[in-house]
């Protein structure tokens, strides 16, 4: 809320293919309780524009065994 944004966001992705070694790493992360990743969120309305004109916002992806 400090930047004036608040509410709930929904995202869809997948299905995805994961290499066996990456799958093992993800299983380990989930087994240990989860982790956080820094992410850059790009606005879908900008996808048709040249990439240098895309707007973005920084965020955190939280991966836990029961939710993202």
C-alpha atoms as a PDB file:
ATOM      1  CA  UNK A   1       0.000   0.000   0.000  1.00  0.00           C
ATOM      2  CA  UNK A   2       2.972   2.317   0.359  1.00  0.00           C
ATOM      3  CA  UNK A   3       2.977   2.883  -3.431  1.00  0.00           C
ATOM      4  CA  UNK A   4      -0.784   3.321  -3.616  1.00  0.00           C
ATOM      5  CA  UNK A   5      -1.478  -0.228  -4.832  1.00  0.00           C
ATOM      6  CA  UNK A   6      -3.569  -2.656  -2.817  1.00  0.00           C
ATOM      7  CA  UNK A   7      -5.903  -5.584  -3.348  1.00  0.00           C
ATOM      8  CA  UNK A   8      -5.567  -9.088  -4.677  1.00  0.00           C
ATOM      9  CA  UNK A   9      -3.791 -10.164  -7.841  1.00  0.00           C
ATOM     10  CA  UNK A  10      -4.327 -13.426  -9.677  1.00  0.00           C
ATOM     11  CA  UNK A  11      -1.892 -15.088 -12.060  1.00  0.00           C
ATOM     12  CA  UNK A  12      -2.098 -18.116 -14.301  1.00  0.00           C
ATOM     13  CA  UNK A  13       0.755 -20.060 -15.770  1.00  0.00           C
ATOM     14  CA  UNK A  14       1.462 -23.552 -16.934  1.00  0.00           C
ATOM     15  CA  UNK A  15       1.629 -26.225 -17.656  1.00  0.00           C
ATOM     16  CA  UNK A  16       5.386 -26.004 -17.404  1.00  0.00           C
ATOM     17  CA  UNK A  17       8.150 -28.487 -18.104  1.00  0.00           C
ATOM     18  CA  UNK A  18      10.887 -28.827 -15.527  1.00  0.00           C
ATOM     19  CA  UNK A  19      14.184 -30.636 -16.025  1.00  0.00           C
ATOM     20  CA  UNK A  20      14.717 -33.528 -13.596  1.00  0.00           C
ATOM     21  CA  UNK A  21      17.520 -31.722 -11.699  1.00  0.00           C
ATOM     22  CA  UNK A  22      15.381 -28.595 -11.319  1.00  0.00           C
ATOM     23  CA  UNK A  23      12.444 -30.705 -10.200  1.00  0.00           C
ATOM     24  CA  UNK A  24      14.597 -32.250  -7.448  1.00  0.00           C
ATOM     25  CA  UNK A  25      15.693 -28.764  -6.331  1.00  0.00           C
ATOM     26  CA  UNK A  26      12.082 -27.579  -6.207  1.00  0.00           C
ATOM     27  CA  UNK A  27      11.059 -30.671  -4.241  1.00  0.00           C
ATOM     28  CA  UNK A  28      13.866 -29.947  -1.749  1.00  0.00           C
ATOM     29  CA  UNK A  29      12.771 -26.310  -1.396  1.00  0.00           C
ATOM     30  CA  UNK A  30       9.167 -27.331  -0.789  1.00  0.00           C
ATOM     31  CA  UNK A  31      10.232 -30.065   1.632  1.00  0.00           C
ATOM     32  CA  UNK A  32      12.235 -27.568   3.663  1.00  0.00           C
ATOM     33  CA  UNK A  33       9.252 -25.249   4.101  1.00  0.00           C
ATOM     34  CA  UNK A  34       9.517 -23.017   1.042  1.00  0.00           C
ATOM     35  CA  UNK A  35      11.430 -19.974  -0.096  1.00  0.00           C
ATOM     36  CA  UNK A  36      11.083 -16.507  -1.619  1.00  0.00           C
ATOM     37  CA  UNK A  37      12.268 -15.296  -5.026  1.00  0.00           C
ATOM     38  CA  UNK A  38      12.515 -11.729  -6.268  1.00  0.00           C
ATOM     39  CA  UNK A  39      10.429 -11.302  -9.432  1.00  0.00           C
ATOM     40  CA  UNK A  40       9.700  -8.611 -11.977  1.00  0.00           C
ATOM     41  CA  UNK A  41       6.035  -8.282 -12.915  1.00  0.00           C
ATOM     42  CA  UNK A  42       5.332  -7.005 -16.439  1.00  0.00           C
ATOM     43  CA  UNK A  43       1.975  -5.523 -17.377  1.00  0.00           C
ATOM     44  CA  UNK A  44       0.121  -7.680 -19.919  1.00  0.00           C
ATOM     45  CA  UNK A  45      -1.243  -4.560 -21.638  1.00  0.00           C
ATOM     46  CA  UNK A  46       2.343  -3.694 -22.692  1.00  0.00           C
ATOM     47  CA  UNK A  47       3.152  -7.039 -24.365  1.00  0.00           C
ATOM     48  CA  UNK A  48       2.427  -5.690 -27.842  1.00  0.00           C
ATOM     49  CA  UNK A  49       4.860  -2.786 -27.376  1.00  0.00           C
ATOM     50  CA  UNK A  50       8.628  -2.822 -27.910  1.00  0.00           C
ATOM     51  CA  UNK A  51      10.254  -4.381 -24.819  1.00  0.00           C
ATOM     52  CA  UNK A  52      12.016  -1.149 -23.848  1.00  0.00           C
ATOM     53  CA  UNK A  53       8.559   0.443 -23.332  1.00  0.00           C
ATOM     54  CA  UNK A  54       7.226  -2.279 -21.027  1.00  0.00           C
ATOM     55  CA  UNK A  55       6.245  -1.114 -17.562  1.00  0.00           C
ATOM     56  CA  UNK A  56       7.171  -3.310 -14.633  1.00  0.00           C
ATOM     57  CA  UNK A  57       6.916  -3.637 -10.889  1.00  0.00           C
ATOM     58  CA  UNK A  58       9.198  -5.542  -8.538  1.00  0.00           C
ATOM     59  CA  UNK A  59       7.696  -8.189  -6.293  1.00  0.00           C
ATOM     60  CA  UNK A  60       8.363 -11.371  -4.350  1.00  0.00           C
ATOM     61  CA  UNK A  61       7.223 -14.871  -5.294  1.00  0.00           C
ATOM     62  CA  UNK A  62       6.671 -16.940  -2.158  1.00  0.00           C
ATOM     63  CA  UNK A  63       6.803 -20.702  -2.769  1.00  0.00           C
ATOM     64  CA  UNK A  64       5.399 -22.911  -0.022  1.00  0.00           C
ATOM     65  CA  UNK A  65       4.153 -26.472  -0.054  1.00  0.00           C
ATOM     66  CA  UNK A  66       0.507 -25.395  -0.078  1.00  0.00           C
ATOM     67  CA  UNK A  67       0.600 -22.120  -2.042  1.00  0.00           C
ATOM     68  CA  UNK A  68       2.524 -19.743  -4.308  1.00  0.00           C
END
